[in-house]
C-alpha cells in the first residue's frame, strides 16, 4: 500500500511517499514543489502539474492531505485553500482516493499531542521512517500526513477483530 501525503502551500507544497509493509511504514520519497515569484494562477498550475507528475511516477494507492486551518489573514487562507484545491485536482484527476486530516489530528497521531512543535513532528518522522537526515519542514509535514493516514488505516482494519472479541465478552 503506497500513500502520498501532501502539505499544501501557495509558495511551497510538500509531498511525501511511504509504503506500508505489514505494520511497518517504509520511506519512498519526499520533497517540495516550489513556486518562486510567479503570479498566483501560475503557482496553481505548477502545483497541479508537479503533483500530477509525482502521482504518475509513484502510483500511490491512496492520498492524504492536510486540511486548511483558519487563519487570521483571510487573503492567506483563501490562497492556501486554492493551492489545496489545485493539489486535490491533481490527484483526483488520476482517480486516487483522498483522505483529509487536520494539523491537530496529524500531530496527535505522530507525537501524541495535537499542539506539538514542527521540530517534534520532524523528529518523529525521522524516527518512524528510520531516516538518516531530518527532512525539510514541508516534506516532513507531508510525510507526517501519510504516516497519520497509515496509522488510521491500520487502526480501522484492526477494529472488526477487536469488536468481535468485545462482543464475546473478552478482549483479544
N, C-alpha and C. Protein backbone atom coordinates (compact mmCIF):
# COMPACT_ATOMS: atom_id res chain seq x y z
N UNK A 1 0.85 -1.18 0.00
CA UNK A 1 0.00 0.00 0.00
C UNK A 1 0.89 1.24 0.00
N UNK A 2 0.83 2.01 -1.05
CA UNK A 2 1.58 3.27 -1.15
C UNK A 2 0.67 4.44 -0.81
N UNK A 3 1.19 5.34 0.03
CA UNK A 3 0.42 6.51 0.45
C UNK A 3 1.23 7.76 0.14
N UNK A 4 0.59 8.70 -0.55
CA UNK A 4 1.18 10.00 -0.82
C UNK A 4 0.58 10.99 0.17
N UNK A 5 1.43 11.65 0.94
CA UNK A 5 1.00 12.72 1.84
C UNK A 5 1.29 14.06 1.20
N UNK A 6 0.39 15.01 1.38
CA UNK A 6 0.56 16.35 0.80
C UNK A 6 0.34 17.40 1.87
N UNK A 7 1.29 18.34 1.95
CA UNK A 7 1.18 19.52 2.81
C UNK A 7 1.06 20.72 1.88
N UNK A 8 -0.18 21.16 1.59
CA UNK A 8 -0.36 22.21 0.59
C UNK A 8 0.13 23.57 1.06
N UNK A 9 0.65 24.33 0.12
CA UNK A 9 1.08 25.70 0.38
C UNK A 9 1.08 26.48 -0.91
N UNK A 10 0.88 27.78 -0.84
CA UNK A 10 0.82 28.59 -2.06
C UNK A 10 2.21 28.97 -2.57
N UNK A 11 3.25 28.78 -1.77
CA UNK A 11 4.63 29.02 -2.21
C UNK A 11 5.45 27.74 -2.20
N UNK A 12 5.18 26.85 -1.23
CA UNK A 12 5.87 25.56 -1.13
C UNK A 12 4.82 24.51 -0.77
N UNK A 13 4.71 23.48 -1.59
CA UNK A 13 3.82 22.36 -1.31
C UNK A 13 4.70 21.14 -1.08
N UNK A 14 4.61 20.58 0.11
CA UNK A 14 5.41 19.40 0.44
C UNK A 14 4.70 18.13 0.03
N UNK A 15 5.49 17.11 -0.32
CA UNK A 15 4.93 15.80 -0.60
C UNK A 15 5.82 14.74 0.03
N UNK A 16 5.22 13.62 0.38
CA UNK A 16 5.97 12.52 0.97
C UNK A 16 5.28 11.20 0.66
N UNK A 17 6.07 10.23 0.24
CA UNK A 17 5.54 8.92 -0.10
C UNK A 17 6.08 7.86 0.83
N UNK A 18 5.16 7.04 1.33
CA UNK A 18 5.56 5.90 2.15
C UNK A 18 4.88 4.66 1.59
N UNK A 19 5.40 3.53 1.99
CA UNK A 19 4.76 2.25 1.64
C UNK A 19 4.55 1.48 2.92
N UNK A 20 3.34 0.96 3.10
CA UNK A 20 3.05 0.13 4.26
C UNK A 20 3.38 -1.31 3.92
N UNK A 21 4.25 -1.89 4.71
CA UNK A 21 4.62 -3.30 4.56
C UNK A 21 4.28 -3.97 5.89
N UNK A 22 3.11 -4.57 5.92
CA UNK A 22 2.61 -5.08 7.18
C UNK A 22 2.32 -3.90 8.09
N UNK A 23 2.90 -3.91 9.27
CA UNK A 23 2.71 -2.80 10.22
C UNK A 23 3.82 -1.76 10.13
N UNK A 24 4.77 -1.97 9.22
CA UNK A 24 5.90 -1.05 9.10
C UNK A 24 5.70 -0.08 7.94
N UNK A 25 6.01 1.20 8.18
CA UNK A 25 5.99 2.22 7.14
C UNK A 25 7.41 2.39 6.62
N UNK A 26 7.56 2.36 5.30
CA UNK A 26 8.87 2.47 4.66
C UNK A 26 8.89 3.74 3.81
N UNK A 27 9.95 4.52 3.97
CA UNK A 27 10.12 5.76 3.21
C UNK A 27 10.40 5.45 1.75
N UNK A 28 9.71 6.14 0.84
CA UNK A 28 9.98 6.01 -0.58
C UNK A 28 10.59 7.29 -1.17
N UNK A 29 9.95 8.43 -0.90
CA UNK A 29 10.43 9.69 -1.48
C UNK A 29 9.75 10.86 -0.77
N UNK A 30 10.37 12.01 -0.87
CA UNK A 30 9.75 13.24 -0.36
C UNK A 30 10.43 14.43 -1.02
N UNK A 31 9.78 15.56 -0.91
CA UNK A 31 10.34 16.78 -1.48
C UNK A 31 9.30 17.88 -1.46
N UNK A 32 9.56 18.89 -2.27
CA UNK A 32 8.69 20.06 -2.32
C UNK A 32 8.49 20.52 -3.75
N UNK A 33 7.30 20.96 -4.04
CA UNK A 33 7.01 21.67 -5.28
C UNK A 33 7.13 23.13 -4.90
N UNK A 34 8.11 23.81 -5.47
CA UNK A 34 8.38 25.20 -5.08
C UNK A 34 7.96 26.16 -6.19
N UNK A 35 7.36 27.26 -5.78
CA UNK A 35 6.97 28.31 -6.70
C UNK A 35 7.76 29.56 -6.32
N UNK A 36 8.40 30.15 -7.27
CA UNK A 36 9.18 31.37 -6.99
C UNK A 36 8.22 32.56 -6.92
N UNK A 37 8.47 33.57 -7.68
CA UNK A 37 7.65 34.78 -7.63
C UNK A 37 6.67 34.85 -8.79
N UNK A 38 6.18 33.69 -9.24
CA UNK A 38 5.21 33.67 -10.32
C UNK A 38 3.90 34.29 -9.85
N UNK A 39 3.09 34.69 -10.80
CA UNK A 39 1.75 35.17 -10.48
C UNK A 39 0.97 34.01 -9.85
N UNK A 40 -0.01 34.33 -9.04
CA UNK A 40 -0.71 33.29 -8.29
C UNK A 40 -1.33 32.21 -9.18
N UNK A 41 -2.02 32.56 -10.27
CA UNK A 41 -2.57 31.49 -11.13
C UNK A 41 -1.48 30.55 -11.67
N UNK A 42 -0.31 31.08 -11.94
CA UNK A 42 0.81 30.25 -12.42
C UNK A 42 1.27 29.30 -11.32
N UNK A 43 1.27 29.75 -10.08
CA UNK A 43 1.64 28.88 -8.96
C UNK A 43 0.68 27.70 -8.85
N UNK A 44 -0.61 27.95 -9.06
CA UNK A 44 -1.60 26.87 -9.01
C UNK A 44 -1.33 25.84 -10.11
N UNK A 45 -0.96 26.32 -11.28
CA UNK A 45 -0.63 25.40 -12.38
C UNK A 45 0.59 24.57 -12.03
N UNK A 46 1.59 25.18 -11.41
CA UNK A 46 2.81 24.46 -11.02
C UNK A 46 2.48 23.37 -10.00
N UNK A 47 1.63 23.67 -9.03
CA UNK A 47 1.21 22.67 -8.04
C UNK A 47 0.50 21.52 -8.74
N UNK A 48 -0.47 21.85 -9.59
CA UNK A 48 -1.26 20.84 -10.30
C UNK A 48 -0.35 19.93 -11.14
N UNK A 49 0.52 20.52 -11.92
CA UNK A 49 1.38 19.73 -12.80
C UNK A 49 2.44 18.96 -12.01
N UNK A 50 3.02 19.60 -11.00
CA UNK A 50 4.06 18.94 -10.21
C UNK A 50 3.53 17.72 -9.47
N UNK A 51 2.41 17.87 -8.80
CA UNK A 51 1.83 16.72 -8.09
C UNK A 51 1.29 15.68 -9.06
N UNK A 52 0.80 16.14 -10.20
CA UNK A 52 0.35 15.19 -11.23
C UNK A 52 1.49 14.29 -11.69
N UNK A 53 2.68 14.87 -11.87
CA UNK A 53 3.86 14.07 -12.25
C UNK A 53 4.25 13.08 -11.15
N UNK A 54 4.17 13.53 -9.90
CA UNK A 54 4.53 12.66 -8.77
C UNK A 54 3.58 11.47 -8.69
N UNK A 55 2.28 11.73 -8.84
CA UNK A 55 1.29 10.64 -8.81
C UNK A 55 1.54 9.68 -9.97
N UNK A 56 1.80 10.22 -11.16
CA UNK A 56 2.05 9.35 -12.32
C UNK A 56 3.31 8.51 -12.12
N UNK A 57 4.35 9.09 -11.52
CA UNK A 57 5.62 8.37 -11.34
C UNK A 57 5.53 7.30 -10.25
N UNK A 58 4.96 7.64 -9.10
CA UNK A 58 4.99 6.74 -7.95
C UNK A 58 3.74 5.88 -7.78
N UNK A 59 2.66 6.23 -8.47
CA UNK A 59 1.43 5.45 -8.45
C UNK A 59 0.94 5.12 -7.02
N UNK A 60 0.71 6.13 -6.19
CA UNK A 60 0.21 5.83 -4.84
C UNK A 60 -1.18 5.22 -4.91
N UNK A 61 -1.48 4.36 -3.95
CA UNK A 61 -2.80 3.75 -3.86
C UNK A 61 -3.81 4.72 -3.25
N UNK A 62 -3.32 5.53 -2.29
CA UNK A 62 -4.18 6.49 -1.61
C UNK A 62 -3.40 7.77 -1.35
N UNK A 63 -4.13 8.84 -1.10
CA UNK A 63 -3.53 10.15 -0.85
C UNK A 63 -4.10 10.70 0.44
N UNK A 64 -3.25 11.31 1.24
CA UNK A 64 -3.68 12.00 2.46
C UNK A 64 -3.22 13.45 2.34
N UNK A 65 -4.12 14.36 2.63
CA UNK A 65 -3.81 15.79 2.50
C UNK A 65 -4.23 16.53 3.77
N UNK A 66 -3.44 17.52 4.12
CA UNK A 66 -3.74 18.31 5.31
C UNK A 66 -4.87 19.29 5.00
N UNK A 67 -5.81 19.40 5.93
CA UNK A 67 -6.92 20.35 5.80
C UNK A 67 -6.41 21.76 6.03
N UNK A 68 -7.12 22.73 5.48
CA UNK A 68 -6.80 24.13 5.71
C UNK A 68 -7.28 24.51 7.10
N UNK A 69 -6.42 25.18 7.85
CA UNK A 69 -6.84 25.67 9.15
C UNK A 69 -7.18 27.15 9.01
N UNK A 70 -8.05 27.63 9.87
CA UNK A 70 -8.48 29.02 9.79
C UNK A 70 -7.36 29.94 10.23
N UNK A 71 -7.08 30.91 9.40
CA UNK A 71 -6.04 31.89 9.71
C UNK A 71 -6.67 33.25 9.95
N UNK A 72 -5.91 34.11 10.60
CA UNK A 72 -6.40 35.47 10.84
C UNK A 72 -6.42 36.24 9.53
N UNK A 73 -5.41 36.03 8.69
CA UNK A 73 -5.32 36.73 7.41
C UNK A 73 -6.19 36.00 6.38
N UNK A 74 -7.31 36.60 6.02
CA UNK A 74 -8.28 35.97 5.12
C UNK A 74 -7.66 35.73 3.74
N UNK A 75 -6.87 36.67 3.23
CA UNK A 75 -6.25 36.52 1.92
C UNK A 75 -5.32 35.29 1.90
N UNK A 76 -4.55 35.11 2.96
CA UNK A 76 -3.65 33.95 3.04
C UNK A 76 -4.45 32.65 3.10
N UNK A 77 -5.53 32.65 3.86
CA UNK A 77 -6.37 31.45 3.96
C UNK A 77 -6.99 31.10 2.61
N UNK A 78 -7.43 32.11 1.88
CA UNK A 78 -8.01 31.85 0.55
C UNK A 78 -6.97 31.29 -0.40
N UNK A 79 -5.77 31.85 -0.39
CA UNK A 79 -4.71 31.35 -1.26
C UNK A 79 -4.33 29.93 -0.90
N UNK A 80 -4.24 29.64 0.40
CA UNK A 80 -3.93 28.28 0.84
C UNK A 80 -5.01 27.31 0.38
N UNK A 81 -6.26 27.73 0.51
CA UNK A 81 -7.37 26.89 0.07
C UNK A 81 -7.32 26.63 -1.43
N UNK A 82 -6.94 27.62 -2.21
CA UNK A 82 -6.83 27.43 -3.65
C UNK A 82 -5.66 26.52 -4.01
N UNK A 83 -4.55 26.64 -3.28
CA UNK A 83 -3.41 25.75 -3.50
C UNK A 83 -3.80 24.31 -3.16
N UNK A 84 -4.55 24.15 -2.08
CA UNK A 84 -5.03 22.83 -1.69
C UNK A 84 -5.97 22.27 -2.76
N UNK A 85 -6.80 23.14 -3.33
CA UNK A 85 -7.70 22.72 -4.41
C UNK A 85 -6.93 22.25 -5.63
N UNK A 86 -5.85 22.95 -5.99
CA UNK A 86 -5.02 22.53 -7.13
C UNK A 86 -4.40 21.17 -6.85
N UNK A 87 -3.95 20.96 -5.61
CA UNK A 87 -3.37 19.66 -5.23
C UNK A 87 -4.42 18.56 -5.30
N UNK A 88 -5.60 18.82 -4.79
CA UNK A 88 -6.68 17.83 -4.84
C UNK A 88 -7.05 17.49 -6.29
N UNK A 89 -7.14 18.50 -7.13
CA UNK A 89 -7.47 18.25 -8.54
C UNK A 89 -6.40 17.39 -9.21
N UNK A 90 -5.14 17.62 -8.86
CA UNK A 90 -4.06 16.84 -9.46
C UNK A 90 -4.19 15.36 -9.13
N UNK A 91 -4.53 15.03 -7.89
CA UNK A 91 -4.63 13.61 -7.53
C UNK A 91 -5.98 13.01 -7.94
N UNK A 92 -7.04 13.79 -7.87
CA UNK A 92 -8.35 13.29 -8.29
C UNK A 92 -8.41 13.11 -9.80
N UNK A 93 -7.62 13.89 -10.53
CA UNK A 93 -7.54 13.76 -11.98
C UNK A 93 -6.99 12.39 -12.37
N UNK A 94 -6.29 11.74 -11.44
CA UNK A 94 -5.72 10.41 -11.69
C UNK A 94 -6.44 9.35 -10.84
N UNK A 95 -7.65 9.66 -10.44
CA UNK A 95 -8.53 8.71 -9.73
C UNK A 95 -7.92 8.10 -8.48
N UNK A 96 -7.33 8.92 -7.64
CA UNK A 96 -6.79 8.42 -6.37
C UNK A 96 -7.73 8.79 -5.24
N UNK A 97 -8.04 7.85 -4.33
CA UNK A 97 -8.85 8.20 -3.17
C UNK A 97 -8.08 9.12 -2.23
N UNK A 98 -8.79 10.06 -1.63
CA UNK A 98 -8.16 11.08 -0.79
C UNK A 98 -8.77 11.07 0.61
N UNK A 99 -7.90 11.11 1.61
CA UNK A 99 -8.31 11.28 3.00
C UNK A 99 -7.78 12.63 3.47
N UNK A 100 -8.55 13.29 4.33
CA UNK A 100 -8.17 14.61 4.81
C UNK A 100 -8.00 14.58 6.32
N UNK A 101 -6.94 15.26 6.80
CA UNK A 101 -6.64 15.30 8.23
C UNK A 101 -6.28 16.72 8.62
N UNK A 102 -6.71 17.12 9.80
CA UNK A 102 -6.32 18.44 10.32
C UNK A 102 -4.89 18.34 10.85
N UNK A 103 -4.25 19.49 10.98
CA UNK A 103 -2.90 19.52 11.54
C UNK A 103 -2.89 18.92 12.95
N UNK A 104 -3.94 19.18 13.71
CA UNK A 104 -4.04 18.64 15.07
C UNK A 104 -4.11 17.11 15.04
N UNK A 105 -4.90 16.55 14.14
CA UNK A 105 -5.00 15.09 14.02
C UNK A 105 -3.65 14.47 13.66
N UNK A 106 -2.95 15.10 12.75
CA UNK A 106 -1.65 14.58 12.29
C UNK A 106 -0.65 14.61 13.44
N UNK A 107 -0.58 15.73 14.14
CA UNK A 107 0.35 15.85 15.27
C UNK A 107 0.00 14.87 16.38
N UNK A 108 -1.29 14.70 16.65
CA UNK A 108 -1.73 13.75 17.67
C UNK A 108 -1.31 12.33 17.30
N UNK A 109 -1.47 11.97 16.04
CA UNK A 109 -1.13 10.61 15.58
C UNK A 109 0.37 10.33 15.67
N UNK A 110 1.19 11.34 15.43
CA UNK A 110 2.64 11.12 15.40
C UNK A 110 3.32 11.40 16.72
N UNK A 111 2.95 12.48 17.37
CA UNK A 111 3.66 12.94 18.55
C UNK A 111 2.89 12.62 19.84
N UNK A 112 1.56 12.50 19.71
CA UNK A 112 0.74 12.25 20.89
C UNK A 112 0.17 13.52 21.48
N UNK A 113 0.50 14.66 20.85
CA UNK A 113 -0.02 15.97 21.27
C UNK A 113 -0.44 16.74 20.04
N UNK A 114 -1.66 17.25 20.06
CA UNK A 114 -2.17 18.00 18.91
C UNK A 114 -1.53 19.35 18.70
N UNK A 115 -0.81 19.84 19.70
CA UNK A 115 -0.15 21.15 19.57
C UNK A 115 1.37 21.01 19.55
N UNK A 116 1.85 19.90 19.04
CA UNK A 116 3.29 19.65 19.00
C UNK A 116 3.99 20.66 18.09
N UNK A 117 5.23 20.95 18.38
CA UNK A 117 6.04 21.86 17.56
C UNK A 117 6.48 21.16 16.28
N UNK A 118 6.78 21.97 15.27
CA UNK A 118 7.26 21.42 13.98
C UNK A 118 8.48 20.54 14.17
N UNK A 119 9.36 20.92 15.06
CA UNK A 119 10.58 20.14 15.29
C UNK A 119 10.26 18.76 15.86
N UNK A 120 9.23 18.67 16.69
CA UNK A 120 8.82 17.38 17.24
C UNK A 120 8.27 16.48 16.14
N UNK A 121 7.49 17.06 15.23
CA UNK A 121 6.96 16.30 14.10
C UNK A 121 8.11 15.80 13.23
N UNK A 122 9.05 16.68 12.92
CA UNK A 122 10.21 16.28 12.11
C UNK A 122 10.98 15.15 12.78
N UNK A 123 11.16 15.25 14.09
CA UNK A 123 11.90 14.22 14.83
C UNK A 123 11.18 12.88 14.74
N UNK A 124 9.86 12.87 14.93
CA UNK A 124 9.10 11.63 14.88
C UNK A 124 9.08 11.03 13.48
N UNK A 125 8.99 11.87 12.45
CA UNK A 125 9.04 11.37 11.06
C UNK A 125 10.38 10.69 10.83
N UNK A 126 11.45 11.35 11.25
CA UNK A 126 12.80 10.78 11.10
C UNK A 126 12.90 9.44 11.83
N UNK A 127 12.39 9.38 13.05
CA UNK A 127 12.49 8.16 13.86
C UNK A 127 11.61 7.04 13.29
N UNK A 128 10.36 7.34 12.97
CA UNK A 128 9.43 6.31 12.49
C UNK A 128 9.85 5.73 11.14
N UNK A 129 10.43 6.55 10.30
CA UNK A 129 10.84 6.08 8.98
C UNK A 129 12.32 5.69 8.94
N UNK A 130 12.99 5.78 10.09
CA UNK A 130 14.40 5.41 10.23
C UNK A 130 15.27 6.12 9.18
N UNK A 131 15.10 7.45 9.10
CA UNK A 131 15.86 8.27 8.14
C UNK A 131 17.17 8.71 8.77
N UNK A 132 18.20 8.85 7.95
CA UNK A 132 19.49 9.30 8.46
C UNK A 132 19.51 10.81 8.67
N UNK A 133 18.74 11.55 7.88
CA UNK A 133 18.67 13.01 8.00
C UNK A 133 17.24 13.44 8.28
N UNK A 134 17.12 14.61 8.90
CA UNK A 134 15.80 15.18 9.15
C UNK A 134 15.28 15.81 7.86
N UNK A 135 14.07 15.44 7.44
CA UNK A 135 13.53 16.03 6.21
C UNK A 135 13.22 17.52 6.39
N UNK A 136 13.24 18.25 5.29
CA UNK A 136 12.87 19.66 5.28
C UNK A 136 11.45 19.77 5.84
N UNK A 137 11.09 20.87 6.46
CA UNK A 137 9.84 21.03 7.21
C UNK A 137 8.59 20.69 6.39
N UNK A 138 8.46 21.20 5.18
CA UNK A 138 7.25 20.95 4.39
C UNK A 138 7.17 19.48 3.95
N UNK A 139 8.30 18.89 3.61
CA UNK A 139 8.34 17.46 3.25
C UNK A 139 8.04 16.61 4.47
N UNK A 140 8.56 17.00 5.64
CA UNK A 140 8.28 16.27 6.88
C UNK A 140 6.80 16.32 7.22
N UNK A 141 6.16 17.47 7.02
CA UNK A 141 4.73 17.59 7.28
C UNK A 141 3.93 16.68 6.35
N UNK A 142 4.35 16.59 5.09
CA UNK A 142 3.67 15.71 4.14
C UNK A 142 3.87 14.24 4.52
N UNK A 143 5.08 13.88 4.92
CA UNK A 143 5.34 12.50 5.38
C UNK A 143 4.52 12.21 6.64
N UNK A 144 4.40 13.19 7.52
CA UNK A 144 3.60 13.02 8.73
C UNK A 144 2.13 12.77 8.37
N UNK A 145 1.64 13.46 7.37
CA UNK A 145 0.27 13.27 6.91
C UNK A 145 0.09 11.85 6.38
N UNK A 146 1.05 11.37 5.60
CA UNK A 146 1.00 10.00 5.07
C UNK A 146 1.05 8.99 6.21
N UNK A 147 1.92 9.21 7.19
CA UNK A 147 2.02 8.31 8.34
C UNK A 147 0.72 8.31 9.15
N UNK A 148 0.12 9.46 9.35
CA UNK A 148 -1.15 9.56 10.06
C UNK A 148 -2.20 8.71 9.35
N UNK A 149 -2.25 8.80 8.03
CA UNK A 149 -3.22 8.01 7.27
C UNK A 149 -2.92 6.52 7.40
N UNK A 150 -1.64 6.17 7.35
CA UNK A 150 -1.27 4.77 7.50
C UNK A 150 -1.68 4.22 8.86
N UNK A 151 -1.45 5.00 9.92
CA UNK A 151 -1.84 4.58 11.27
C UNK A 151 -3.36 4.45 11.37
N UNK A 152 -4.06 5.40 10.77
CA UNK A 152 -5.52 5.38 10.81
C UNK A 152 -6.06 4.15 10.09
N UNK A 153 -5.50 3.85 8.91
CA UNK A 153 -5.92 2.65 8.15
C UNK A 153 -5.70 1.38 8.98
N UNK A 154 -4.53 1.27 9.60
CA UNK A 154 -4.22 0.08 10.38
C UNK A 154 -5.16 -0.06 11.58
N UNK A 155 -5.46 1.05 12.24
CA UNK A 155 -6.38 1.02 13.38
C UNK A 155 -7.77 0.60 12.94
N UNK A 156 -8.26 1.19 11.85
CA UNK A 156 -9.59 0.85 11.37
C UNK A 156 -9.67 -0.62 10.92
N UNK A 157 -8.60 -1.11 10.33
CA UNK A 157 -8.57 -2.51 9.90
C UNK A 157 -8.60 -3.45 11.09
N UNK A 158 -8.03 -3.05 12.22
CA UNK A 158 -7.99 -3.90 13.41
C UNK A 158 -9.30 -3.86 14.20
N UNK A 159 -10.13 -2.86 13.97
CA UNK A 159 -11.36 -2.72 14.75
C UNK A 159 -12.32 -3.90 14.62
N UNK A 160 -12.59 -4.43 13.44
CA UNK A 160 -13.54 -5.56 13.38
C UNK A 160 -13.10 -6.74 14.26
N UNK A 161 -11.82 -7.07 14.25
CA UNK A 161 -11.33 -8.17 15.08
C UNK A 161 -11.49 -7.84 16.56
N UNK A 162 -11.21 -6.60 16.93
CA UNK A 162 -11.33 -6.20 18.34
C UNK A 162 -12.79 -6.21 18.78
N UNK A 163 -13.70 -5.76 17.93
CA UNK A 163 -15.11 -5.73 18.32
C UNK A 163 -15.70 -7.13 18.38
N UNK A 164 -15.18 -8.06 17.58
CA UNK A 164 -15.64 -9.46 17.69
C UNK A 164 -15.30 -9.99 19.08
N UNK A 165 -14.11 -9.71 19.56
CA UNK A 165 -13.71 -10.14 20.89
C UNK A 165 -14.52 -9.47 21.97
N UNK A 166 -14.85 -8.19 21.75
CA UNK A 166 -15.63 -7.45 22.73
C UNK A 166 -17.05 -8.00 22.81
N UNK A 167 -17.64 -8.36 21.67
CA UNK A 167 -19.00 -8.93 21.68
C UNK A 167 -19.03 -10.25 22.43
N UNK A 168 -17.94 -11.00 22.36
CA UNK A 168 -17.89 -12.28 23.05
C UNK A 168 -17.62 -12.10 24.54
N UNK A 169 -17.45 -10.85 24.97
CA UNK A 169 -17.24 -10.58 26.39
C UNK A 169 -15.76 -10.63 26.80
N UNK A 170 -14.88 -10.57 25.84
CA UNK A 170 -13.45 -10.60 26.17
C UNK A 170 -12.67 -9.77 25.16
N UNK A 171 -11.47 -9.40 25.52
CA UNK A 171 -10.57 -8.67 24.62
C UNK A 171 -9.52 -9.64 24.13
N UNK A 172 -9.12 -9.48 22.92
CA UNK A 172 -8.06 -10.35 22.39
C UNK A 172 -6.72 -9.78 22.68
